Amino acid sequence: MRLQTEIDDRAHQRIQEALKLQSELGIKMVEAQSEANVLSEEAKSFTEAMKNAFKPSGIYWVDAWNSLIRPAAATVALALWVGKLVNQGFVMEVYDTEITGVVLGFFFADRSLGKRGK
């Protein structure tokens, strides 16, 4: 009887440990699912915000400002970069070649990929 009691106690301990492990895994699964749902909703919200970002507001001066600010900022940045190149005697450093590649990639590769729907 003593041996049977020890066997039953060990079996009970194994069952308790298994149940505890299953419970912990279940909680982790719920946490992972919850995090995945939050990330999915954030991605949907971001996509929706990007779709609505360029819709006209209906207020003339706000729409004019929104349509001018990006080209104006790009023009200022380009003018500063060209001014730097002029001061260097049009000798391009590593930074200048890298920024040239980025700009060309943005204006040409981005548009050609956009036409293909990528």
PDB file of N, CA and C in Angstrom:
ATOM      1  N   MET A   1       0.821  -1.194   0.000  1.00  0.00           N
ATOM      2  CA  MET A   1       0.000   0.000   0.000  1.00  0.00           C
ATOM      3  C   MET A   1       0.867   1.262   0.000  1.00  0.00           C
ATOM      4  N   ARG A   2       1.964   1.198   0.742  1.00  0.00           N
ATOM      5  CA  ARG A   2       2.869   2.344   0.779  1.00  0.00           C
ATOM      6  C   ARG A   2       3.431   2.621  -0.623  1.00  0.00           C
ATOM      7  N   LEU A   3       3.826   1.572  -1.319  1.00  0.00           N
ATOM      8  CA  LEU A   3       4.362   1.720  -2.672  1.00  0.00           C
ATOM      9  C   LEU A   3       3.311   2.284  -3.610  1.00  0.00           C
ATOM     10  N   GLN A   4       2.081   1.823  -3.480  1.00  0.00           N
ATOM     11  CA  GLN A   4       1.001   2.336  -4.318  1.00  0.00           C
ATOM     12  C   GLN A   4       0.754   3.811  -4.014  1.00  0.00           C
ATOM     13  N   THR A   5       0.833   4.208  -2.758  1.00  0.00           N
ATOM     14  CA  THR A   5       0.646   5.602  -2.365  1.00  0.00           C
ATOM     15  C   THR A   5       1.741   6.479  -2.979  1.00  0.00           C
ATOM     16  N   GLU A   6       2.986   6.008  -2.949  1.00  0.00           N
ATOM     17  CA  GLU A   6       4.096   6.756  -3.554  1.00  0.00           C
ATOM     18  C   GLU A   6       3.890   6.889  -5.067  1.00  0.00           C
ATOM     19  N   ILE A   7       3.478   5.811  -5.689  1.00  0.00           N
ATOM     20  CA  ILE A   7       3.224   5.847  -7.138  1.00  0.00           C
ATOM     21  C   ILE A   7       2.105   6.838  -7.454  1.00  0.00           C
ATOM     22  N   ASP A   8       1.040   6.808  -6.654  1.00  0.00           N
ATOM     23  CA  ASP A   8      -0.074   7.738  -6.860  1.00  0.00           C
ATOM     24  C   ASP A   8       0.362   9.184  -6.634  1.00  0.00           C
ATOM     25  N   ASP A   9       1.190   9.420  -5.603  1.00  0.00           N
ATOM     26  CA  ASP A   9       1.688  10.775  -5.333  1.00  0.00           C
ATOM     27  C   ASP A   9       2.534  11.295  -6.493  1.00  0.00           C
ATOM     28  N   ARG A  10       3.403  10.460  -7.013  1.00  0.00           N
ATOM     29  CA  ARG A  10       4.249  10.871  -8.160  1.00  0.00           C
ATOM     30  C   ARG A  10       3.395  11.136  -9.400  1.00  0.00           C
ATOM     31  N   ALA A  11       2.416  10.287  -9.608  1.00  0.00           N
ATOM     32  CA  ALA A  11       1.523  10.491 -10.762  1.00  0.00           C
ATOM     33  C   ALA A  11       0.748  11.797 -10.590  1.00  0.00           C
ATOM     34  N   HIS A  12       0.296  12.045  -9.367  1.00  0.00           N
ATOM     35  CA  HIS A  12      -0.422  13.288  -9.085  1.00  0.00           C
ATOM     36  C   HIS A  12       0.479  14.502  -9.324  1.00  0.00           C
ATOM     37  N   GLN A  13       1.742  14.427  -8.894  1.00  0.00           N
ATOM     38  CA  GLN A  13       2.690  15.528  -9.112  1.00  0.00           C
ATOM     39  C   GLN A  13       2.927  15.759 -10.605  1.00  0.00           C
ATOM     40  N   ARG A  14       3.078  14.659 -11.360  1.00  0.00           N
ATOM     41  CA  ARG A  14       3.283  14.802 -12.810  1.00  0.00           C
ATOM     42  C   ARG A  14       2.064  15.437 -13.472  1.00  0.00           C
ATOM     43  N   ILE A  15       0.888  15.034 -13.049  1.00  0.00           N
ATOM     44  CA  ILE A  15      -0.343  15.605 -13.607  1.00  0.00           C
ATOM     45  C   ILE A  15      -0.435  17.085 -13.252  1.00  0.00           C
ATOM     46  N   GLN A  16      -0.103  17.436 -12.009  1.00  0.00           N
ATOM     47  CA  GLN A  16      -0.136  18.848 -11.586  1.00  0.00           C
ATOM     48  C   GLN A  16       0.863  19.680 -12.395  1.00  0.00           C
ATOM     49  N   GLU A  17       2.070  19.155 -12.604  1.00  0.00           N
ATOM     50  CA  GLU A  17       3.077  19.866 -13.392  1.00  0.00           C
ATOM     51  C   GLU A  17       2.622  20.024 -14.838  1.00  0.00           C
ATOM     52  N   ALA A  18       2.008  18.971 -15.380  1.00  0.00           N
ATOM     53  CA  ALA A  18       1.506  19.042 -16.758  1.00  0.00           C
ATOM     54  C   ALA A  18       0.398  20.084 -16.876  1.00  0.00           C
ATOM     55  N   LEU A  19      -0.495  20.098 -15.889  1.00  0.00           N
ATOM     56  CA  LEU A  19      -1.576  21.085 -15.917  1.00  0.00           C
ATOM     57  C   LEU A  19      -1.031  22.506 -15.779  1.00  0.00           C
ATOM     58  N   LYS A  20      -0.037  22.684 -14.912  1.00  0.00           N
ATOM     59  CA  LYS A  20       0.578  23.998 -14.742  1.00  0.00           C
ATOM     60  C   LYS A  20       1.242  24.451 -16.038  1.00  0.00           C
ATOM     61  N   LEU A  21       1.966  23.537 -16.695  1.00  0.00           N
ATOM     62  CA  LEU A  21       2.620  23.862 -17.965  1.00  0.00           C
ATOM     63  C   LEU A  21       1.586  24.198 -19.037  1.00  0.00           C
ATOM     64  N   GLN A  22       0.516  23.420 -19.107  1.00  0.00           N
ATOM     65  CA  GLN A  22      -0.540  23.708 -20.080  1.00  0.00           C
ATOM     66  C   GLN A  22      -1.173  25.063 -19.810  1.00  0.00           C
ATOM     67  N   SER A  23      -1.361  25.382 -18.552  1.00  0.00           N
ATOM     68  CA  SER A  23      -1.944  26.674 -18.185  1.00  0.00           C
ATOM     69  C   SER A  23      -1.021  27.818 -18.610  1.00  0.00           C
ATOM     70  N   GLU A  24       0.277  27.674 -18.315  1.00  0.00           N
ATOM     71  CA  GLU A  24       1.239  28.714 -18.701  1.00  0.00           C
ATOM     72  C   GLU A  24       1.297  28.878 -20.210  1.00  0.00           C
ATOM     73  N   LEU A  25       1.297  27.751 -20.931  1.00  0.00           N
ATOM     74  CA  LEU A  25       1.315  27.824 -22.394  1.00  0.00           C
ATOM     75  C   LEU A  25       0.039  28.450 -22.931  1.00  0.00           C
ATOM     76  N   GLY A  26      -1.084  28.150 -22.295  1.00  0.00           N
ATOM     77  CA  GLY A  26      -2.348  28.753 -22.711  1.00  0.00           C
ATOM     78  C   GLY A  26      -2.333  30.256 -22.520  1.00  0.00           C
ATOM     79  N   ILE A  27      -1.768  30.707 -21.391  1.00  0.00           N
ATOM     80  CA  ILE A  27      -1.676  32.152 -21.134  1.00  0.00           C
ATOM     81  C   ILE A  27      -0.762  32.803 -22.162  1.00  0.00           C
ATOM     82  N   LYS A  28       0.363  32.151 -22.455  1.00  0.00           N
ATOM     83  CA  LYS A  28       1.283  32.697 -23.453  1.00  0.00           C
ATOM     84  C   LYS A  28       0.626  32.742 -24.826  1.00  0.00           C
ATOM     85  N   MET A  29      -0.182  31.743 -25.125  1.00  0.00           N
ATOM     86  CA  MET A  29      -0.873  31.724 -26.416  1.00  0.00           C
ATOM     87  C   MET A  29      -1.861  32.882 -26.506  1.00  0.00           C
ATOM     88  N   VAL A  30      -2.592  33.123 -25.422  1.00  0.00           N
ATOM     89  CA  VAL A  30      -3.546  34.234 -25.392  1.00  0.00           C
ATOM     90  C   VAL A  30      -2.809  35.561 -25.526  1.00  0.00           C
ATOM     91  N   GLU A  31      -1.666  35.704 -24.839  1.00  0.00           N
ATOM     92  CA  GLU A  31      -0.882  36.933 -24.934  1.00  0.00           C
ATOM     93  C   GLU A  31      -0.360  37.145 -26.352  1.00  0.00           C
ATOM     94  N   ALA A  32       0.137  36.066 -26.974  1.00  0.00           N
ATOM     95  CA  ALA A  32       0.645  36.177 -28.341  1.00  0.00           C
ATOM     96  C   ALA A  32      -0.476  36.544 -29.308  1.00  0.00           C
ATOM     97  N   GLN A  33      -1.635  35.932 -29.140  1.00  0.00           N
ATOM     98  CA  GLN A  33      -2.775  36.251 -30.009  1.00  0.00           C
ATOM     99  C   GLN A  33      -3.215  37.696 -29.817  1.00  0.00           C
ATOM    100  N   SER A  34      -3.227  38.138 -28.572  1.00  0.00           N
ATOM    101  CA  SER A  34      -3.605  39.518 -28.275  1.00  0.00           C
ATOM    102  C   SER A  34      -2.628  40.495 -28.925  1.00  0.00           C
ATOM    103  N   GLU A  35      -1.333  40.202 -28.808  1.00  0.00           N
ATOM    104  CA  GLU A  35      -0.328  41.071 -29.424  1.00  0.00           C
ATOM    105  C   GLU A  35      -0.460  41.073 -30.944  1.00  0.00           C
ATOM    106  N   ALA A  36      -0.725  39.914 -31.523  1.00  0.00           N
ATOM    107  CA  ALA A  36      -0.911  39.839 -32.971  1.00  0.00           C
ATOM    108  C   ALA A  36      -2.124  40.654 -33.402  1.00  0.00           C
ATOM    109  N   ASN A  37      -3.203  40.607 -32.617  1.00  0.00           N
ATOM    110  CA  ASN A  37      -4.394  41.393 -32.939  1.00  0.00           C
ATOM    111  C   ASN A  37      -4.110  42.887 -32.861  1.00  0.00           C
ATOM    112  N   VAL A  38      -3.353  43.301 -31.845  1.00  0.00           N
ATOM    113  CA  VAL A  38      -3.007  44.713 -31.709  1.00  0.00           C
ATOM    114  C   VAL A  38      -2.157  45.166 -32.891  1.00  0.00           C
ATOM    115  N   LEU A  39      -1.160  44.369 -33.257  1.00  0.00           N
ATOM    116  CA  LEU A  39      -0.307  44.721 -34.395  1.00  0.00           C
ATOM    117  C   LEU A  39      -1.111  44.785 -35.692  1.00  0.00           C
ATOM    118  N   SER A  40      -2.049  43.874 -35.851  1.00  0.00           N
ATOM    119  CA  SER A  40      -2.894  43.877 -37.045  1.00  0.00           C
ATOM    120  C   SER A  40      -3.748  45.145 -37.103  1.00  0.00           C
ATOM    121  N   GLU A  41      -4.331  45.515 -35.985  1.00  0.00           N
ATOM    122  CA  GLU A  41      -5.155  46.729 -35.936  1.00  0.00           C
ATOM    123  C   GLU A  41      -4.309  47.978 -36.171  1.00  0.00           C
ATOM    124  N   GLU A  42      -3.082  47.996 -35.618  1.00  0.00           N
ATOM    125  CA  GLU A  42      -2.191  49.135 -35.856  1.00  0.00           C
ATOM    126  C   GLU A  42      -1.860  49.250 -37.343  1.00  0.00           C
ATOM    127  N   ALA A  43      -1.591  48.122 -37.991  1.00  0.00           N
ATOM    128  CA  ALA A  43      -1.282  48.140 -39.420  1.00  0.00           C
ATOM    129  C   ALA A  43      -2.478  48.632 -40.231  1.00  0.00           C
ATOM    130  N   LYS A  44      -3.677  48.190 -39.857  1.00  0.00           N
ATOM    131  CA  LYS A  44      -4.883  48.647 -40.556  1.00  0.00           C
ATOM    132  C   LYS A  44      -5.085  50.150 -40.361  1.00  0.00           C
ATOM    133  N   SER A  45      -4.858  50.618 -39.142  1.00  0.00           N
ATOM    134  CA  SER A  45      -5.016  52.043 -38.852  1.00  0.00           C
ATOM    135  C   SER A  45      -4.016  52.873 -39.633  1.00  0.00           C
ATOM    136  N   PHE A  46      -2.772  52.389 -39.694  1.00  0.00           N
ATOM    137  CA  PHE A  46      -1.738  53.111 -40.437  1.00  0.00           C
ATOM    138  C   PHE A  46      -2.094  53.172 -41.922  1.00  0.00           C
ATOM    139  N   THR A  47      -2.547  52.055 -42.470  1.00  0.00           N
ATOM    140  CA  THR A  47      -2.935  52.021 -43.883  1.00  0.00           C
ATOM    141  C   THR A  47      -4.078  52.987 -44.148  1.00  0.00           C
ATOM    142  N   GLU A  48      -5.047  52.993 -43.265  1.00  0.00           N
ATOM    143  CA  GLU A  48      -6.189  53.896 -43.426  1.00  0.00           C
ATOM    144  C   GLU A  48      -5.751  55.355 -43.320  1.00  0.00           C
ATOM    145  N   ALA A  49      -4.851  55.636 -42.383  1.00  0.00           N
ATOM    146  CA  ALA A  49      -4.352  57.005 -42.227  1.00  0.00           C
ATOM    147  C   ALA A  49      -3.597  57.449 -43.474  1.00  0.00           C
ATOM    148  N   MET A  50      -2.818  56.554 -44.060  1.00  0.00           N
ATOM    149  CA  MET A  50      -2.075  56.898 -45.277  1.00  0.00           C
ATOM    150  C   MET A  50      -3.038  57.148 -46.444  1.00  0.00           C
ATOM    151  N   LYS A  51      -4.117  56.384 -46.504  1.00  0.00           N
ATOM    152  CA  LYS A  51      -5.098  56.603 -47.569  1.00  0.00           C
ATOM    153  C   LYS A  51      -5.760  57.966 -47.416  1.00  0.00           C
ATOM    154  N   ASN A  52      -6.026  58.363 -46.170  1.00  0.00           N
ATOM    155  CA  ASN A  52      -6.720  59.621 -45.920  1.00  0.00           C
ATOM    156  C   ASN A  52      -5.784  60.828 -45.863  1.00  0.00           C
ATOM    157  N   ALA A  53      -4.486  60.595 -45.841  1.00  0.00           N
ATOM    158  CA  ALA A  53      -3.532  61.697 -45.665  1.00  0.00           C
ATOM    159  C   ALA A  53      -3.563  62.690 -46.829  1.00  0.00           C
ATOM    160  N   PHE A  54      -3.831  62.210 -48.009  1.00  0.00           N
ATOM    161  CA  PHE A  54      -3.757  63.087 -49.178  1.00  0.00           C
ATOM    162  C   PHE A  54      -5.130  63.481 -49.725  1.00  0.00           C
ATOM    163  N   LYS A  55      -6.165  63.193 -48.982  1.00  0.00           N
ATOM    164  CA  LYS A  55      -7.492  63.638 -49.394  1.00  0.00           C
ATOM    165  C   LYS A  55      -7.621  65.126 -49.083  1.00  0.00           C
ATOM    166  N   PRO A  56      -8.176  65.884 -50.008  1.00  0.00           N
ATOM    167  CA  PRO A  56      -8.355  67.319 -49.752  1.00  0.00           C
ATOM    168  C   PRO A  56      -9.279  67.557 -48.553  1.00  0.00           C
ATOM    169  N   SER A  57      -8.951  68.588 -47.788  1.00  0.00           N
ATOM    170  CA  SER A  57      -9.752  68.905 -46.602  1.00  0.00           C
ATOM    171  C   SER A  57     -10.968  69.754 -46.946  1.00  0.00           C
ATOM    172  N   GLY A  58     -10.896  70.438 -48.089  1.00  0.00           N
ATOM    173  CA  GLY A  58     -11.989  71.331 -48.469  1.00  0.00           C
ATOM    174  C   GLY A  58     -11.704  72.773 -48.081  1.00  0.00           C
ATOM    175  N   ILE A  59     -10.678  73.000 -47.299  1.00  0.00           N
ATOM    176  CA  ILE A  59     -10.268  74.357 -46.931  1.00  0.00           C
ATOM    177  C   ILE A  59      -9.126  74.741 -47.873  1.00  0.00           C
ATOM    178  N   TYR A  60      -9.348  75.781 -48.653  1.00  0.00           N
ATOM    179  CA  TYR A  60      -8.431  76.118 -49.739  1.00  0.00           C
ATOM    180  C   TYR A  60      -6.994  76.306 -49.272  1.00  0.00           C
ATOM    181  N   TRP A  61      -6.796  77.157 -48.246  1.00  0.00           N
ATOM    182  CA  TRP A  61      -5.415  77.459 -47.846  1.00  0.00           C
ATOM    183  C   TRP A  61      -4.722  76.257 -47.212  1.00  0.00           C
ATOM    184  N   VAL A  62      -5.466  75.364 -46.548  1.00  0.00           N
ATOM    185  CA  VAL A  62      -4.873  74.149 -45.973  1.00  0.00           C
ATOM    186  C   VAL A  62      -4.454  73.202 -47.093  1.00  0.00           C
ATOM    187  N   ASP A  63      -5.313  73.048 -48.093  1.00  0.00           N
ATOM    188  CA  ASP A  63      -4.982  72.181 -49.221  1.00  0.00           C
ATOM    189  C   ASP A  63      -3.799  72.737 -50.008  1.00  0.00           C
ATOM    190  N   ALA A  64      -3.743  74.058 -50.176  1.00  0.00           N
ATOM    191  CA  ALA A  64      -2.610  74.674 -50.885  1.00  0.00           C
ATOM    192  C   ALA A  64      -1.314  74.442 -50.112  1.00  0.00           C
ATOM    193  N   TRP A  65      -1.364  74.637 -48.802  1.00  0.00           N
ATOM    194  CA  TRP A  65      -0.177  74.421 -47.967  1.00  0.00           C
ATOM    195  C   TRP A  65       0.294  72.964 -48.060  1.00  0.00           C
ATOM    196  N   ASN A  66      -0.643  72.026 -47.956  1.00  0.00           N
ATOM    197  CA  ASN A  66      -0.285  70.606 -48.021  1.00  0.00           C
ATOM    198  C   ASN A  66       0.308  70.227 -49.371  1.00  0.00           C
ATOM    199  N   SER A  67      -0.152  70.851 -50.431  1.00  0.00           N
ATOM    200  CA  SER A  67       0.381  70.515 -51.750  1.00  0.00           C
ATOM    201  C   SER A  67       1.728  71.181 -52.018  1.00  0.00           C
ATOM    202  N   LEU A  68       2.065  72.236 -51.280  1.00  0.00           N
ATOM    203  CA  LEU A  68       3.327  72.947 -51.511  1.00  0.00           C
ATOM    204  C   LEU A  68       4.448  72.559 -50.554  1.00  0.00           C
ATOM    205  N   ILE A  69       4.140  72.095 -49.377  1.00  0.00           N
ATOM    206  CA  ILE A  69       5.158  71.919 -48.349  1.00  0.00           C
ATOM    207  C   ILE A  69       6.193  70.861 -48.724  1.00  0.00           C
ATOM    208  N   ARG A  70       5.791  69.728 -49.263  1.00  0.00           N
ATOM    209  CA  ARG A  70       6.755  68.680 -49.624  1.00  0.00           C
ATOM    210  C   ARG A  70       7.657  69.116 -50.770  1.00  0.00           C
ATOM    211  N   PRO A  71       7.104  69.672 -51.862  1.00  0.00           N
ATOM    212  CA  PRO A  71       8.002  70.140 -52.919  1.00  0.00           C
ATOM    213  C   PRO A  71       8.928  71.264 -52.451  1.00  0.00           C
ATOM    214  N   ALA A  72       8.429  72.149 -51.588  1.00  0.00           N
ATOM    215  CA  ALA A  72       9.263  73.238 -51.090  1.00  0.00           C
ATOM    216  C   ALA A  72      10.408  72.701 -50.235  1.00  0.00           C
ATOM    217  N   ALA A  73      10.115  71.756 -49.367  1.00  0.00           N
ATOM    218  CA  ALA A  73      11.158  71.171 -48.528  1.00  0.00           C
ATOM    219  C   ALA A  73      12.189  70.434 -49.378  1.00  0.00           C
ATOM    220  N   ALA A  74      11.735  69.708 -50.393  1.00  0.00           N
ATOM    221  CA  ALA A  74      12.657  69.005 -51.283  1.00  0.00           C
ATOM    222  C   ALA A  74      13.530  69.994 -52.046  1.00  0.00           C
ATOM    223  N   THR A  75      12.951  71.108 -52.488  1.00  0.00           N
ATOM    224  CA  THR A  75      13.710  72.126 -53.221  1.00  0.00           C
ATOM    225  C   THR A  75      14.773  72.755 -52.334  1.00  0.00           C
ATOM    226  N   VAL A  76      14.433  73.060 -51.095  1.00  0.00           N
ATOM    227  CA  VAL A  76      15.408  73.640 -50.169  1.00  0.00           C
ATOM    228  C   VAL A  76      16.547  72.660 -49.917  1.00  0.00           C
ATOM    229  N   ALA A  77      16.215  71.394 -49.656  1.00  0.00           N
ATOM    230  CA  ALA A  77      17.248  70.385 -49.420  1.00  0.00           C
ATOM    231  C   ALA A  77      18.144  70.218 -50.642  1.00  0.00           C
ATOM    232  N   LEU A  78      17.550  70.205 -51.816  1.00  0.00           N
ATOM    233  CA  LEU A  78      18.325  70.079 -53.048  1.00  0.00           C
ATOM    234  C   LEU A  78      19.228  71.284 -53.260  1.00  0.00           C
ATOM    235  N   ALA A  79      18.712  72.485 -52.989  1.00  0.00           N
ATOM    236  CA  ALA A  79      19.514  73.704 -53.134  1.00  0.00           C
ATOM    237  C   ALA A  79      20.703  73.695 -52.165  1.00  0.00           C
ATOM    238  N   LEU A  80      20.479  73.263 -50.934  1.00  0.00           N
ATOM    239  CA  LEU A  80      21.575  73.183 -49.961  1.00  0.00           C
ATOM    240  C   LEU A  80      22.640  72.184 -50.400  1.00  0.00           C
ATOM    241  N   TRP A  81      22.206  71.064 -50.929  1.00  0.00           N
ATOM    242  CA  TRP A  81      23.148  70.040 -51.390  1.00  0.00           C
ATOM    243  C   TRP A  81      23.945  70.534 -52.596  1.00  0.00           C
ATOM    244  N   VAL A  82      23.273  71.162 -53.549  1.00  0.00           N
ATOM    245  CA  VAL A  82      23.976  71.703 -54.717  1.00  0.00           C
ATOM    246  C   VAL A  82      24.943  72.802 -54.271  1.00  0.00           C
ATOM    247  N   GLY A  83      24.548  73.646 -53.313  1.00  0.00           N
ATOM    248  CA  GLY A  83      25.449  74.661 -52.776  1.00  0.00           C
ATOM    249  C   GLY A  83      26.691  74.041 -52.166  1.00  0.00           C
ATOM    250  N   LYS A  84      26.515  72.939 -51.467  1.00  0.00           N
ATOM    251  CA  LYS A  84      27.656  72.221 -50.899  1.00  0.00           C
ATOM    252  C   LYS A  84      28.571  71.717 -52.003  1.00  0.00           C
ATOM    253  N   LEU A  85      27.979  71.162 -53.064  1.00  0.00           N
ATOM    254  CA  LEU A  85      28.790  70.672 -54.187  1.00  0.00           C
ATOM    255  C   LEU A  85      29.546  71.811 -54.862  1.00  0.00           C
ATOM    256  N   VAL A  86      28.916  72.966 -54.997  1.00  0.00           N
ATOM    257  CA  VAL A  86      29.582  74.119 -55.616  1.00  0.00           C
ATOM    258  C   VAL A  86      30.780  74.532 -54.761  1.00  0.00           C
ATOM    259  N   ASN A  87      30.611  74.565 -53.452  1.00  0.00           N
ATOM    260  CA  ASN A  87      31.717  74.937 -52.556  1.00  0.00           C
ATOM    261  C   ASN A  87      32.857  73.929 -52.599  1.00  0.00           C
ATOM    262  N   GLN A  88      32.557  72.685 -52.917  1.00  0.00           N
ATOM    263  CA  GLN A  88      33.581  71.639 -53.009  1.00  0.00           C
ATOM    264  C   GLN A  88      34.203  71.589 -54.394  1.00  0.00           C
ATOM    265  N   GLY A  89      33.784  72.437 -55.297  1.00  0.00           N
ATOM    266  CA  GLY A  89      34.290  72.399 -56.670  1.00  0.00           C
ATOM    267  C   GLY A  89      33.744  71.216 -57.443  1.00  0.00           C
ATOM    268  N   PHE A  90      32.540  70.797 -57.118  1.00  0.00           N
ATOM    269  CA  PHE A  90      31.853  69.658 -57.748  1.00  0.00           C
ATOM    270  C   PHE A  90      32.624  68.349 -57.617  1.00  0.00           C
ATOM    271  N   VAL A  91      33.423  68.233 -56.567  1.00  0.00           N
ATOM    272  CA  VAL A  91      34.091  66.974 -56.250  1.00  0.00           C
ATOM    273  C   VAL A  91      33.184  66.241 -55.265  1.00  0.00           C
ATOM    274  N   MET A  92      32.698  65.069 -55.684  1.00  0.00           N
ATOM    275  CA  MET A  92      31.726  64.347 -54.867  1.00  0.00           C
ATOM    276  C   MET A  92      32.435  63.456 -53.857  1.00  0.00           C
ATOM    277  N   GLU A  93      31.991  63.581 -52.606  1.00  0.00           N
ATOM    278  CA  GLU A  93      32.490  62.712 -51.547  1.00  0.00           C
ATOM    279  C   GLU A  93      31.585  61.482 -51.479  1.00  0.00           C
ATOM    280  N   VAL A  94      31.896  60.565 -50.581  1.00  0.00           N
ATOM    281  CA  VAL A  94      31.094  59.352 -50.431  1.00  0.00           C
ATOM    282  C   VAL A  94      29.646  59.717 -50.101  1.00  0.00           C
ATOM    283  N   TYR A  95      29.461  60.684 -49.202  1.00  0.00           N
ATOM    284  CA  TYR A  95      28.114  61.126 -48.834  1.00  0.00           C
ATOM    285  C   TYR A  95      27.339  61.597 -50.068  1.00  0.00           C
ATOM    286  N   ASP A  96      28.008  62.358 -50.914  1.00  0.00           N
ATOM    287  CA  ASP A  96      27.341  62.907 -52.108  1.00  0.00           C
ATOM    288  C   ASP A  96      26.933  61.806 -53.078  1.00  0.00           C
ATOM    289  N   THR A  97      27.786  60.800 -53.260  1.00  0.00           N
ATOM    290  CA  THR A  97      27.408  59.708 -54.164  1.00  0.00           C
ATOM    291  C   THR A  97      26.262  58.882 -53.574  1.00  0.00           C
ATOM    292  N   GLU A  98      26.281  58.696 -52.258  1.00  0.00           N
ATOM    293  CA  GLU A  98      25.193  57.948 -51.631  1.00  0.00           C
ATOM    294  C   GLU A  98      23.870  58.691 -51.745  1.00  0.00           C
ATOM    295  N   ILE A  99      23.876  59.975 -51.490  1.00  0.00           N
ATOM    296  CA  ILE A  99      22.627  60.741 -51.575  1.00  0.00           C
ATOM    297  C   ILE A  99      22.143  60.825 -53.021  1.00  0.00           C
ATOM    298  N   THR A 100      23.067  60.856 -53.971  1.00  0.00           N
ATOM    299  CA  THR A 100      22.675  60.847 -55.384  1.00  0.00           C
ATOM    300  C   THR A 100      21.944  59.544 -55.706  1.00  0.00           C
ATOM    301  N   GLY A 101      22.478  58.426 -55.216  1.00  0.00           N
ATOM    302  CA  GLY A 101      21.834  57.137 -55.445  1.00  0.00           C
ATOM    303  C   GLY A 101      20.453  57.061 -54.819  1.00  0.00           C
ATOM    304  N   VAL A 102      20.321  57.597 -53.622  1.00  0.00           N
ATOM    305  CA  VAL A 102      19.021  57.586 -52.944  1.00  0.00           C
ATOM    306  C   VAL A 102      18.005  58.419 -53.720  1.00  0.00           C
ATOM    307  N   VAL A 103      18.422  59.606 -54.135  1.00  0.00           N
ATOM    308  CA  VAL A 103      17.500  60.501 -54.856  1.00  0.00           C
ATOM    309  C   VAL A 103      17.092  59.882 -56.182  1.00  0.00           C
ATOM    310  N   LEU A 104      18.055  59.370 -56.937  1.00  0.00           N
ATOM    311  CA  LEU A 104      17.726  58.753 -58.216  1.00  0.00           C
ATOM    312  C   LEU A 104      16.841  57.516 -58.022  1.00  0.00           C
ATOM    313  N   GLY A 105      17.150  56.729 -57.004  1.00  0.00           N
ATOM    314  CA  GLY A 105      16.321  55.557 -56.720  1.00  0.00           C
ATOM    315  C   GLY A 105      14.906  55.936 -56.353  1.00  0.00           C
ATOM    316  N   PHE A 106      14.772  56.998 -55.556  1.00  0.00           N
ATOM    317  CA  PHE A 106      13.434  57.432 -55.152  1.00  0.00           C
ATOM    318  C   PHE A 106      12.631  57.929 -56.339  1.00  0.00           C
ATOM    319  N   PHE A 107      13.246  58.779 -57.175  1.00  0.00           N
ATOM    320  CA  PHE A 107      12.477  59.390 -58.256  1.00  0.00           C
ATOM    321  C   PHE A 107      12.253  58.456 -59.440  1.00  0.00           C
ATOM    322  N   PHE A 108      13.166  57.531 -59.690  1.00  0.00           N
ATOM    323  CA  PHE A 108      13.010  56.692 -60.867  1.00  0.00           C
ATOM    324  C   PHE A 108      12.555  55.275 -60.528  1.00  0.00           C
ATOM    325  N   ALA A 109      13.220  54.598 -59.608  1.00  0.00           N
ATOM    326  CA  ALA A 109      12.828  53.226 -59.275  1.00  0.00           C
ATOM    327  C   ALA A 109      11.463  53.202 -58.609  1.00  0.00           C
ATOM    328  N   ASP A 110      11.217  54.152 -57.716  1.00  0.00           N
ATOM    329  CA  ASP A 110       9.943  54.187 -57.014  1.00  0.00           C
ATOM    330  C   ASP A 110       8.784  54.338 -57.993  1.00  0.00           C
ATOM    331  N   ARG A 111       8.944  55.175 -58.970  1.00  0.00           N
ATOM    332  CA  ARG A 111       7.860  55.404 -59.950  1.00  0.00           C
ATOM    333  C   ARG A 111       7.661  54.197 -60.853  1.00  0.00           C
ATOM    334  N   SER A 112       8.773  53.562 -61.290  1.00  0.00           N
ATOM    335  CA  SER A 112       8.608  52.410 -62.173  1.00  0.00           C
ATOM    336  C   SER A 112       8.009  51.229 -61.418  1.00  0.00           C
ATOM    337  N   LEU A 113       8.363  51.064 -60.146  1.00  0.00           N
ATOM    338  CA  LEU A 113       7.762  49.992 -59.355  1.00  0.00           C
ATOM    339  C   LEU A 113       6.302  50.321 -59.041  1.00  0.00           C
ATOM    340  N   GLY A 114       6.010  51.589 -58.839  1.00  0.00           N
ATOM    341  CA  GLY A 114       4.637  52.006 -58.567  1.00  0.00           C
ATOM    342  C   GLY A 114       3.716  51.721 -59.732  1.00  0.00           C
ATOM    343  N   LYS A 115       4.231  51.866 -60.942  1.00  0.00           N
ATOM    344  CA  LYS A 115       3.420  51.596 -62.129  1.00  0.00           C
ATOM    345  C   LYS A 115       3.081  50.118 -62.235  1.00  0.00           C
ATOM    346  N   ARG A 116       3.967  49.264 -61.707  1.00  0.00           N
ATOM    347  CA  ARG A 116       3.726  47.826 -61.755  1.00  0.00           C
ATOM    348  C   ARG A 116       2.913  47.348 -60.554  1.00  0.00           C
ATOM    349  N   GLY A 117       2.572  48.258 -59.655  1.00  0.00           N
ATOM    350  CA  GLY A 117       1.756  47.902 -58.517  1.00  0.00           C
ATOM    351  C   GLY A 117       2.514  47.265 -57.376  1.00  0.00           C
ATOM    352  N   LYS A 118       3.818  47.504 -57.293  1.00  0.00           N
ATOM    353  CA  LYS A 118       4.620  46.890 -56.211  1.00  0.00           C
ATOM    354  C   LYS A 118       4.799  47.833 -55.063  1.00  0.00           C
TER     355      LYS A 118
END
